[in-house]
């Protein structure tokens, strides 16, 4: 065991989101007029001549992302016309929030709703490695729904946490630093953290130890465990894949395949962010978070194709491919999570390229052994514009994971149904009567969009949080 206090501090300058979303108490502010293309003509007809002239001079057509500064009667009374799409899109104000002059603003028509998320995240920057980061002007949005401020700030903070962790290069985010990031969240919410490593890891989590041993001793693998909440409350477990860098091991990836592998701990980032939301909202649950942290490196001590590993559960695993290491560390973590007898188990992992081929970068693949849980997650994702797509735990494909010498092989033969066979491997370590959801997420945005820069991204986080919040606050209300 290692005391977490001995670990180096994780460095991440978080945006002060709470200063950017403020209750509207009538303070001076510039107005923002939200206009859709369908409403433009009617809106212009209601405006004074100076507004129509300014809009025409700016060629304002109310297309999403367009804006025009509109003069007022006095120099400091200017306002803004902003083109937006119809509907409650969380990012409908993001382009505006990244382009407006610094100052205080309020909407003149309607309420921000979920768009506060995009407003906040558009003003977040990951500039840890910039020699001279450009200072950003603060754009403050007033809201007439002050009760929603805490939720919006919490979601923005959790999303930024995922992005910043994923964007951090592996040289500065190894297993030790990942543990420090967990400790920081634990300290904010009075949770308990335990680190298992060394001989204890080899005994208790043998597949985590095997995957990470090539990077030891300076980047030694470990199991990070966080415990929080009232023991009398329902138990839930959240697991996140924490492969801080994936070379592929002895089945080495090509150079192009390694370019994004600093993001292979994206599952851990999602799991930690979800745990932070649970703790920050004081959700009435007993939370158990597990992050198996390791680097899949290459050395004379690396595990090999053809090796047989012993898992915590006792299931023996033949290694068909060392680049299918994420499911190995997750299997040991899931086994440990099950031992705590939770009533719900969720895991996040950047697990397979096959899921990306099937669904692209924006849609996490969702697997679940419980239809009610899957339906709740999909409905929650749709409601908060964080969509999921369910893929099947197609039992006949388990034959692809058969081994001639061990209980199971970690890599399916033939390369078909890669996301499904990976999920079926994990399914081997979860009891059928325990509701379980597995997110195979990309954790990366390959092209920038307003409020969503290229780089690390939270995909499936808001869906999972919305589902948990609805389920457990409702359960607590039902008890009461």
Protein backbone atom coordinates (compact mmCIF):
# COMPACT_ATOMS: atom_id res chain seq x y z
CA UNK A 1 0.00 0.00 0.00
CA UNK A 2 1.09 3.59 -0.62
CA UNK A 3 -0.16 6.66 1.16
CA UNK A 4 -1.77 8.87 -1.45
CA UNK A 5 -0.31 11.94 0.25
CA UNK A 6 3.11 10.82 -1.02
CA UNK A 7 2.00 11.12 -4.65
CA UNK A 8 2.82 14.23 -6.70
CA UNK A 9 0.10 16.82 -7.03
CA UNK A 10 -1.86 16.73 -10.25
CA UNK A 11 -1.56 20.12 -11.91
CA UNK A 12 -4.68 21.41 -13.64
CA UNK A 13 -5.81 25.05 -13.59
CA UNK A 14 -9.59 24.81 -13.62
CA UNK A 15 -11.72 27.64 -14.99
CA UNK A 16 -13.73 29.51 -12.36
CA UNK A 17 -17.06 28.67 -13.94
CA UNK A 18 -19.05 29.99 -11.00
CA UNK A 19 -17.98 33.55 -11.79
CA UNK A 20 -19.34 33.25 -15.35
CA UNK A 21 -22.96 32.36 -14.50
CA UNK A 22 -24.66 34.69 -12.03
CA UNK A 23 -28.18 35.20 -10.72
CA UNK A 24 -29.99 38.06 -12.46
CA UNK A 25 -30.86 40.67 -9.86
CA UNK A 26 -31.36 43.51 -12.31
CA UNK A 27 -27.70 44.50 -12.57
CA UNK A 28 -26.55 46.37 -15.71
CA UNK A 29 -25.97 44.05 -18.66
CA UNK A 30 -25.93 43.98 -22.44
CA UNK A 31 -28.94 42.28 -23.98
CA UNK A 32 -28.68 39.22 -26.19
CA UNK A 33 -31.51 38.75 -28.68
CA UNK A 34 -31.72 35.11 -29.81
CA UNK A 35 -32.99 34.88 -33.36
CA UNK A 36 -33.57 31.87 -35.62
CA UNK A 37 -33.57 32.14 -39.41
CA UNK A 38 -37.31 31.40 -39.40
CA UNK A 39 -37.99 34.29 -37.01
CA UNK A 40 -35.58 36.84 -38.49
CA UNK A 41 -38.02 38.74 -40.68
CA UNK A 42 -40.60 39.08 -37.91
CA UNK A 43 -37.96 40.09 -35.40
CA UNK A 44 -36.51 42.77 -37.66
CA UNK A 45 -39.96 44.19 -38.27
CA UNK A 46 -40.30 44.88 -34.54
CA UNK A 47 -36.91 46.61 -34.23
CA UNK A 48 -36.08 50.34 -34.53
CA UNK A 49 -34.40 51.55 -37.69
CA UNK A 50 -30.94 51.72 -36.11
CA UNK A 51 -31.16 47.98 -35.31
CA UNK A 52 -32.26 47.06 -38.83
CA UNK A 53 -29.44 49.12 -40.30
CA UNK A 54 -26.83 47.54 -38.01
CA UNK A 55 -28.10 44.03 -38.77
CA UNK A 56 -28.01 44.70 -42.51
CA UNK A 57 -24.50 46.19 -42.29
CA UNK A 58 -23.32 43.02 -40.52
CA UNK A 59 -25.08 40.82 -43.11
CA UNK A 60 -26.84 39.20 -40.19
CA UNK A 61 -28.94 36.30 -41.45
CA UNK A 62 -29.49 34.63 -38.04
CA UNK A 63 -27.58 31.52 -39.02
CA UNK A 64 -26.39 29.57 -35.97
CA UNK A 65 -23.18 31.13 -34.69
CA UNK A 66 -23.69 34.52 -36.35
CA UNK A 67 -23.79 37.69 -34.28
CA UNK A 68 -24.19 41.40 -34.80
CA UNK A 69 -23.54 44.25 -32.38
CA UNK A 70 -26.55 46.55 -32.21
CA UNK A 71 -26.28 50.22 -31.13
CA UNK A 72 -28.41 51.64 -28.34
CA UNK A 73 -29.44 55.18 -27.52
CA UNK A 74 -26.21 55.66 -25.53
CA UNK A 75 -22.69 54.37 -26.33
CA UNK A 76 -22.72 51.81 -23.51
CA UNK A 77 -26.23 50.52 -24.23
CA UNK A 78 -25.34 48.28 -27.16
CA UNK A 79 -26.81 44.81 -27.42
CA UNK A 80 -26.23 41.68 -29.49
CA UNK A 81 -28.27 39.78 -32.04
CA UNK A 82 -27.29 36.11 -32.04
CA UNK A 83 -28.27 33.53 -34.60
CA UNK A 84 -29.25 30.21 -33.01
CA UNK A 85 -30.87 26.95 -34.02
CA UNK A 86 -34.31 26.18 -32.66
CA UNK A 87 -34.49 23.93 -29.59
CA UNK A 88 -32.65 23.59 -26.30
CA UNK A 89 -29.17 22.64 -27.50
CA UNK A 90 -26.56 22.76 -24.68
CA UNK A 91 -24.10 24.41 -27.08
CA UNK A 92 -26.42 26.92 -28.79
CA UNK A 93 -24.70 29.85 -27.00
CA UNK A 94 -21.15 28.50 -27.22
CA UNK A 95 -20.09 30.36 -30.37
CA UNK A 96 -21.41 33.58 -28.87
CA UNK A 97 -19.62 33.07 -25.55
CA UNK A 98 -16.28 32.65 -27.30
CA UNK A 99 -16.60 35.80 -29.44
CA UNK A 100 -18.31 38.48 -27.39
CA UNK A 101 -16.36 41.28 -25.74
CA UNK A 102 -15.81 40.81 -22.06
CA UNK A 103 -18.75 41.97 -19.97
CA UNK A 104 -22.09 41.02 -18.46
CA UNK A 105 -25.02 39.80 -20.56
CA UNK A 106 -28.62 38.67 -20.24
CA UNK A 107 -31.01 37.10 -22.69
CA UNK A 108 -33.83 39.41 -23.73
CA UNK A 109 -36.04 36.57 -24.95
CA UNK A 110 -36.25 33.24 -23.17
CA UNK A 111 -34.05 31.58 -20.58
CA UNK A 112 -30.63 29.99 -21.05
CA UNK A 113 -31.79 26.49 -20.07
CA UNK A 114 -29.20 23.81 -20.83
CA UNK A 115 -27.25 26.29 -23.00
CA UNK A 116 -25.47 27.48 -19.86
CA UNK A 117 -23.20 24.45 -20.32
CA UNK A 118 -21.92 25.65 -23.69
CA UNK A 119 -21.63 29.21 -22.42
CA UNK A 120 -19.32 28.05 -19.63
CA UNK A 121 -17.27 25.51 -21.57
CA UNK A 122 -16.66 27.93 -24.45
CA UNK A 123 -14.61 29.94 -21.97
CA UNK A 124 -12.50 27.04 -20.75
CA UNK A 125 -8.96 26.66 -22.10
CA UNK A 126 -6.34 23.99 -21.57
CA UNK A 127 -3.19 26.13 -21.66
CA UNK A 128 -0.86 24.28 -19.32
CA UNK A 129 1.84 24.06 -21.98
CA UNK A 130 1.43 27.52 -23.53
CA UNK A 131 4.43 29.76 -22.90
CA UNK A 132 2.28 32.89 -23.05
CA UNK A 133 -1.37 31.92 -22.76
CA UNK A 134 -3.69 34.57 -24.12
CA UNK A 135 -5.83 36.06 -21.34
CA UNK A 136 -9.52 35.56 -22.00
CA UNK A 137 -12.09 38.24 -21.25
CA UNK A 138 -14.78 37.06 -18.87
CA UNK A 139 -18.23 36.88 -20.43
CA UNK A 140 -20.75 36.72 -17.59
CA UNK A 141 -24.26 35.48 -18.23
CA UNK A 142 -27.11 36.49 -15.94
CA UNK A 143 -29.81 33.92 -15.38
CA UNK A 144 -33.29 34.19 -13.95
CA UNK A 145 -33.02 30.53 -12.87
CA UNK A 146 -30.51 30.80 -10.01
CA UNK A 147 -31.45 27.34 -8.74
CA UNK A 148 -29.86 25.86 -11.88
CA UNK A 149 -26.47 27.54 -11.42
CA UNK A 150 -24.99 24.84 -9.20
CA UNK A 151 -25.96 22.07 -11.62
CA UNK A 152 -24.58 23.93 -14.64
CA UNK A 153 -21.30 24.71 -12.89
CA UNK A 154 -20.96 21.10 -11.71
CA UNK A 155 -21.51 19.73 -15.23
CA UNK A 156 -19.05 22.18 -16.76
CA UNK A 157 -16.46 21.39 -14.09
CA UNK A 158 -16.84 17.63 -14.57
CA UNK A 159 -16.64 17.96 -18.36
CA UNK A 160 -13.55 20.15 -18.12
CA UNK A 161 -11.98 17.60 -15.76
CA UNK A 162 -12.38 14.88 -18.39
CA UNK A 163 -11.02 17.11 -21.13
CA UNK A 164 -8.00 18.27 -19.15
CA UNK A 165 -7.05 14.80 -17.94
CA UNK A 166 -7.29 13.35 -21.44
CA UNK A 167 -5.36 16.25 -22.97
CA UNK A 168 -2.46 15.86 -20.53
CA UNK A 169 0.52 14.08 -22.16
CA UNK A 170 1.38 10.68 -20.76
CA UNK A 171 4.77 11.95 -19.58
CA UNK A 172 2.94 14.10 -17.04
CA UNK A 173 0.03 11.77 -16.30
CA UNK A 174 1.25 8.35 -15.27
CA UNK A 175 -0.41 6.00 -12.78
CA UNK A 176 0.93 8.05 -9.87
CA UNK A 177 -0.42 11.33 -11.20
CA UNK A 178 -3.76 9.73 -12.02
CA UNK A 179 -3.96 8.61 -8.40
CA UNK A 180 -3.23 12.19 -7.33
CA UNK A 181 -6.13 13.42 -9.48
CA UNK A 182 -8.43 10.98 -7.66
CA UNK A 183 -7.07 12.16 -4.32
CA UNK A 184 -7.85 15.76 -5.22
CA UNK A 185 -11.50 14.90 -5.84
CA UNK A 186 -11.58 12.82 -2.68
CA UNK A 187 -10.27 15.72 -0.61
CA UNK A 188 -13.02 17.99 -1.98
CA UNK A 189 -15.74 15.57 -0.89
CA UNK A 190 -14.28 13.85 2.19
CA UNK A 191 -13.90 10.47 0.50
CA UNK A 192 -11.41 7.74 1.36
CA UNK A 193 -8.76 6.67 -1.14
CA UNK A 194 -6.75 3.46 -1.06
CA UNK A 195 -3.89 2.61 -3.43
CA UNK A 196 -2.87 -1.02 -4.04
CA UNK A 197 0.49 -1.60 -5.70
CA UNK A 198 3.66 -3.69 -5.59
CA UNK A 199 3.37 -7.17 -4.12
CA UNK A 200 -0.18 -6.46 -2.96
CA UNK A 201 -1.20 -5.63 -6.52
CA UNK A 202 0.39 -8.80 -7.88
CA UNK A 203 -1.53 -10.86 -5.35
CA UNK A 204 -4.89 -9.08 -5.45
CA UNK A 205 -5.07 -7.75 -9.03
CA UNK A 206 -2.75 -9.99 -11.04
CA UNK A 207 -3.87 -8.89 -14.50
CA UNK A 208 -3.41 -5.20 -13.67
CA UNK A 209 0.08 -6.04 -12.44
CA UNK A 210 0.87 -8.06 -15.57
CA UNK A 211 -0.25 -5.32 -17.97
CA UNK A 212 1.72 -2.63 -16.17
CA UNK A 213 4.87 -4.43 -15.12
CA UNK A 214 6.87 -3.44 -18.23
CA UNK A 215 6.65 0.22 -17.16
CA UNK A 216 7.73 -0.46 -13.57
CA UNK A 217 9.32 0.62 -11.35
CA UNK A 218 9.17 4.33 -12.23
CA UNK A 219 5.62 4.10 -13.65
CA UNK A 220 4.39 1.19 -11.60
CA UNK A 221 0.78 0.02 -12.01
CA UNK A 222 -1.73 0.36 -9.21
CA UNK A 223 -5.37 -0.02 -8.33
CA UNK A 224 -6.97 3.23 -7.17
CA UNK A 225 -10.04 2.84 -4.96
CA UNK A 226 -12.30 5.60 -3.65
CA UNK A 227 -15.08 5.05 -1.12
CA UNK A 228 -17.71 7.66 -0.26
CA UNK A 229 -21.16 8.00 1.20
CA UNK A 230 -23.41 6.62 3.90
CA UNK A 231 -23.00 2.82 4.22
CA UNK A 232 -26.76 2.52 4.72
CA UNK A 233 -27.49 3.94 1.27
CA UNK A 234 -27.74 1.83 -1.90
CA UNK A 235 -24.34 0.74 -3.17
CA UNK A 236 -23.18 1.64 -6.67
CA UNK A 237 -19.83 0.98 -8.30
CA UNK A 238 -18.12 2.96 -11.07
CA UNK A 239 -15.06 1.59 -12.86
CA UNK A 240 -12.80 3.38 -15.35
CA UNK A 241 -10.02 2.07 -17.56
CA UNK A 242 -6.82 3.90 -16.60
CA UNK A 243 -4.26 2.91 -19.25
CA UNK A 244 -2.19 6.09 -19.20
CA UNK A 245 -0.46 5.20 -22.46
CA UNK A 246 -0.90 2.23 -24.76
CA UNK A 247 1.99 1.26 -27.00
CA UNK A 248 0.19 -1.98 -27.80
CA UNK A 249 2.81 -3.89 -25.84
CA UNK A 250 4.74 -6.53 -27.77
CA UNK A 251 1.93 -6.46 -30.34
CA UNK A 252 3.11 -2.91 -30.90
CA UNK A 253 0.90 -0.35 -32.58
CA UNK A 254 2.15 1.54 -35.64
CA UNK A 255 3.20 5.12 -35.00
CA UNK A 256 -0.09 6.48 -36.29
CA UNK A 257 -1.94 4.22 -33.85
CA UNK A 258 -0.03 5.63 -30.89
CA UNK A 259 -0.64 9.31 -31.61
CA UNK A 260 -3.79 9.49 -29.49
CA UNK A 261 -2.88 6.88 -26.91
CA UNK A 262 -2.43 9.41 -24.14
CA UNK A 263 -6.25 9.33 -24.17
CA UNK A 264 -6.41 5.63 -23.26
CA UNK A 265 -7.14 6.66 -19.68
CA UNK A 266 -10.28 8.44 -20.91
CA UNK A 267 -12.46 5.85 -19.21
CA UNK A 268 -10.82 6.67 -15.88
CA UNK A 269 -11.37 10.38 -16.53
CA UNK A 270 -15.08 9.76 -17.17
CA UNK A 271 -15.42 7.54 -14.10
CA UNK A 272 -13.71 10.12 -11.87
CA UNK A 273 -15.83 12.95 -13.28
CA UNK A 274 -19.02 10.96 -12.72
CA UNK A 275 -17.91 10.19 -9.17
CA UNK A 276 -17.28 13.90 -8.60
CA UNK A 277 -20.84 14.68 -9.73
CA UNK A 278 -22.24 12.00 -7.43
CA UNK A 279 -20.30 13.32 -4.45
CA UNK A 280 -20.85 17.00 -5.24
CA UNK A 281 -24.62 16.53 -5.42
CA UNK A 282 -24.59 14.41 -2.26
CA UNK A 283 -26.47 11.68 -4.11
CA UNK A 284 -27.90 9.25 -1.52
CA UNK A 285 -25.68 6.31 -2.46
CA UNK A 286 -22.66 4.45 -1.16
CA UNK A 287 -20.12 5.01 -3.95
CA UNK A 288 -17.23 2.73 -4.81
CA UNK A 289 -14.91 4.00 -7.56
CA UNK A 290 -12.18 1.79 -9.00
CA UNK A 291 -9.51 2.84 -11.49
CA UNK A 292 -6.92 0.27 -12.58
CA UNK A 293 -3.98 2.46 -13.63
CA UNK A 294 -1.12 1.15 -15.75
CA UNK A 295 1.01 1.88 -18.78
CA UNK A 296 1.10 -0.79 -21.48
CA UNK A 297 4.78 -0.52 -22.29
CA UNK A 298 7.49 -2.70 -23.82
CA UNK A 299 10.44 -4.18 -21.97
CA UNK A 300 12.05 -7.53 -21.31
CA UNK A 301 9.44 -8.07 -18.61
CA UNK A 302 6.41 -7.30 -20.78
CA UNK A 303 3.61 -9.84 -20.90
CA UNK A 304 3.54 -11.76 -24.19
CA UNK A 305 1.15 -13.17 -26.78
CA UNK A 306 0.49 -16.74 -25.73
CA UNK A 307 0.98 -16.11 -22.01
CA UNK A 308 -1.75 -17.26 -19.64
CA UNK A 309 -2.69 -14.79 -16.91
CA UNK A 310 -4.58 -15.53 -13.72
CA UNK A 311 -7.34 -13.05 -12.91
CA UNK A 312 -8.63 -11.96 -9.51
CA UNK A 313 -11.78 -13.99 -10.18
CA UNK A 314 -9.74 -17.13 -10.85
CA UNK A 315 -10.58 -17.20 -14.56
CA UNK A 316 -7.46 -17.93 -16.61
CA UNK A 317 -6.88 -15.77 -19.69
CA UNK A 318 -4.78 -16.67 -22.71
CA UNK A 319 -3.26 -13.59 -24.31
CA UNK A 320 -4.16 -13.51 -27.98
CA UNK A 321 -3.03 -9.91 -28.34
CA UNK A 322 -1.19 -7.64 -25.89
CA UNK A 323 -2.97 -4.65 -27.42
CA UNK A 324 -6.23 -5.90 -25.92
CA UNK A 325 -5.01 -4.95 -22.47
CA UNK A 326 -7.81 -2.65 -21.34
CA UNK A 327 -10.25 -5.50 -20.85
CA UNK A 328 -7.68 -7.28 -18.68
CA UNK A 329 -7.32 -4.48 -16.15
CA UNK A 330 -11.07 -3.85 -16.22
CA UNK A 331 -11.78 -7.52 -15.51
CA UNK A 332 -9.86 -7.42 -12.24
CA UNK A 333 -11.52 -4.11 -11.29
CA UNK A 334 -15.01 -5.37 -12.12
CA UNK A 335 -14.39 -8.49 -10.04
CA UNK A 336 -13.43 -6.36 -7.06
CA UNK A 337 -16.43 -4.07 -7.57
CA UNK A 338 -18.79 -7.05 -7.60
CA UNK A 339 -17.42 -8.19 -4.25
CA UNK A 340 -18.90 -5.08 -2.64
CA UNK A 341 -22.36 -6.27 -3.74
CA UNK A 342 -23.51 -3.07 -5.47
CA UNK A 343 -27.00 -2.83 -6.90
CA UNK A 344 -25.65 -1.07 -10.00
CA UNK A 345 -22.32 -1.24 -11.85
CA UNK A 346 -21.10 1.15 -14.55
CA UNK A 347 -17.79 1.13 -16.37
CA UNK A 348 -16.21 3.52 -18.88
CA UNK A 349 -13.40 2.60 -21.25
CA UNK A 350 -11.76 3.72 -24.45
CA UNK A 351 -11.84 0.07 -25.31
CA UNK A 352 -12.11 -0.68 -29.03
CA UNK A 353 -11.49 0.88 -32.40
CA UNK A 354 -14.34 -1.31 -33.61
CA UNK A 355 -16.84 0.86 -31.72
CA UNK A 356 -15.49 3.93 -33.52
CA UNK A 357 -15.71 2.23 -36.90
CA UNK A 358 -19.32 1.31 -36.18
CA UNK A 359 -20.52 4.53 -34.54
CA UNK A 360 -17.97 7.26 -35.27
CA UNK A 361 -16.45 9.65 -32.74
CA UNK A 362 -19.63 11.18 -31.25
CA UNK A 363 -21.62 8.10 -30.21
CA UNK A 364 -20.40 5.95 -27.31
CA UNK A 365 -21.32 2.30 -27.67
CA UNK A 366 -23.49 1.20 -24.76
CA UNK A 367 -23.66 -2.41 -23.65
CA UNK A 368 -25.90 -3.53 -20.80
CA UNK A 369 -27.10 -6.80 -19.34
CA UNK A 370 -30.31 -5.15 -18.11
CA UNK A 371 -32.88 -3.70 -20.53
CA UNK A 372 -34.39 -1.30 -17.98
CA UNK A 373 -30.98 0.18 -17.21
CA UNK A 374 -30.12 0.47 -20.91
CA UNK A 375 -33.43 2.17 -21.65
CA UNK A 376 -32.98 4.61 -18.77
CA UNK A 377 -29.48 5.54 -19.93
CA UNK A 378 -30.54 6.02 -23.55
CA UNK A 379 -33.54 8.13 -22.55
CA UNK A 380 -31.37 10.23 -20.23
CA UNK A 381 -28.80 10.74 -22.97
CA UNK A 382 -31.47 11.86 -25.42
CA UNK A 383 -32.93 14.28 -22.88
CA UNK A 384 -29.59 15.99 -22.21
CA UNK A 385 -28.25 15.82 -25.79
CA UNK A 386 -25.54 13.32 -24.86
CA UNK A 387 -26.61 10.42 -27.09
CA UNK A 388 -25.72 6.75 -26.68
CA UNK A 389 -26.20 3.82 -29.03
CA UNK A 390 -26.80 0.35 -27.65
CA UNK A 391 -24.94 -2.60 -29.14
CA UNK A 392 -25.83 -6.18 -28.21
CA UNK A 393 -24.13 -8.54 -25.81
CA UNK A 394 -24.59 -11.19 -28.49
CA UNK A 395 -23.91 -14.40 -26.59
CA UNK A 396 -23.10 -16.62 -29.64
CA UNK A 397 -20.05 -14.43 -30.34
CA UNK A 398 -18.50 -15.61 -27.06
CA UNK A 399 -17.24 -18.59 -29.06
CA UNK A 400 -14.77 -16.20 -30.69
CA UNK A 401 -13.04 -15.87 -27.30
CA UNK A 402 -12.47 -19.58 -26.76
CA UNK A 403 -8.99 -20.71 -25.77
CA UNK A 404 -7.43 -24.11 -26.32
CA UNK A 405 -5.43 -23.97 -23.09
CA UNK A 406 -7.16 -21.48 -20.76
CA UNK A 407 -10.68 -20.48 -19.72
CA UNK A 408 -10.88 -17.60 -22.19
CA UNK A 409 -8.81 -15.68 -24.76
CA UNK A 410 -8.56 -11.90 -24.50
CA UNK A 411 -8.82 -11.27 -28.26
CA UNK A 412 -11.42 -12.63 -30.64
CA UNK A 413 -10.33 -14.46 -33.77
CA UNK A 414 -10.89 -12.94 -37.19
CA UNK A 415 -11.27 -9.31 -36.12
CA UNK A 416 -15.05 -9.32 -36.45
CA UNK A 417 -17.46 -7.76 -33.91
CA UNK A 418 -14.56 -6.33 -31.93
CA UNK A 419 -16.61 -4.08 -29.66
CA UNK A 420 -19.07 -6.89 -28.90
CA UNK A 421 -16.44 -9.51 -28.13
CA UNK A 422 -14.62 -7.03 -25.85
CA UNK A 423 -17.88 -6.44 -23.98
CA UNK A 424 -18.52 -10.18 -23.80
CA UNK A 425 -15.07 -10.64 -22.27
CA UNK A 426 -16.03 -8.17 -19.52
CA UNK A 427 -19.42 -9.83 -19.16
CA UNK A 428 -17.60 -12.97 -18.01
CA UNK A 429 -16.62 -11.08 -14.85
CA UNK A 430 -20.06 -9.64 -13.99
CA UNK A 431 -22.92 -11.69 -12.49
CA UNK A 432 -25.98 -11.88 -14.71
CA UNK A 433 -28.25 -10.65 -11.91
CA UNK A 434 -26.26 -7.43 -11.31
CA UNK A 435 -27.43 -4.56 -13.56
CA UNK A 436 -24.32 -3.46 -15.46
CA UNK A 437 -23.64 -0.89 -18.16
CA UNK A 438 -20.44 -0.67 -20.18
CA UNK A 439 -19.57 2.51 -22.10
CA UNK A 440 -17.09 2.04 -24.96
CA UNK A 441 -16.39 5.74 -25.47
CA UNK A 442 -13.92 7.63 -27.67
CA UNK A 443 -13.11 10.42 -25.14
CA UNK A 444 -11.82 12.56 -28.00
CA UNK A 445 -13.11 15.19 -30.41
CA UNK A 446 -11.21 15.02 -33.73
CA UNK A 447 -12.48 18.40 -35.01
CA UNK A 448 -13.35 21.57 -33.11
CA UNK A 449 -16.92 22.84 -32.75
CA UNK A 450 -18.20 25.81 -30.70
CA UNK A 451 -17.53 25.10 -27.04
CA UNK A 452 -15.90 21.78 -27.95
CA UNK A 453 -12.24 22.15 -28.92
CA UNK A 454 -10.29 19.43 -30.65
CA UNK A 455 -8.96 17.09 -28.00
CA UNK A 456 -10.26 15.31 -24.93
CA UNK A 457 -14.02 15.11 -24.64
CA UNK A 458 -16.66 13.78 -22.25
CA UNK A 459 -19.00 11.48 -24.18
CA UNK A 460 -21.64 9.63 -22.17
CA UNK A 461 -20.85 11.44 -18.92
CA UNK A 462 -23.96 13.63 -18.82
CA UNK A 463 -26.17 10.72 -19.87
CA UNK A 464 -24.88 8.56 -17.02
CA UNK A 465 -25.18 11.37 -14.49
CA UNK A 466 -28.72 12.27 -15.54
CA UNK A 467 -29.73 8.63 -15.19
CA UNK A 468 -28.15 8.22 -11.74
CA UNK A 469 -29.57 11.48 -10.45
CA UNK A 470 -33.10 10.62 -11.56
CA UNK A 471 -32.88 7.08 -10.23
CA UNK A 472 -31.44 7.72 -6.77
CA UNK A 473 -33.00 11.03 -5.85
CA UNK A 474 -36.33 9.44 -6.80
CA UNK A 475 -35.57 6.35 -4.71
CA UNK A 476 -34.72 8.50 -1.74
CA UNK A 477 -37.94 10.46 -2.19
CA UNK A 478 -39.93 7.21 -2.38
CA UNK A 479 -38.46 6.09 0.95
CA UNK A 480 -39.32 9.31 2.62
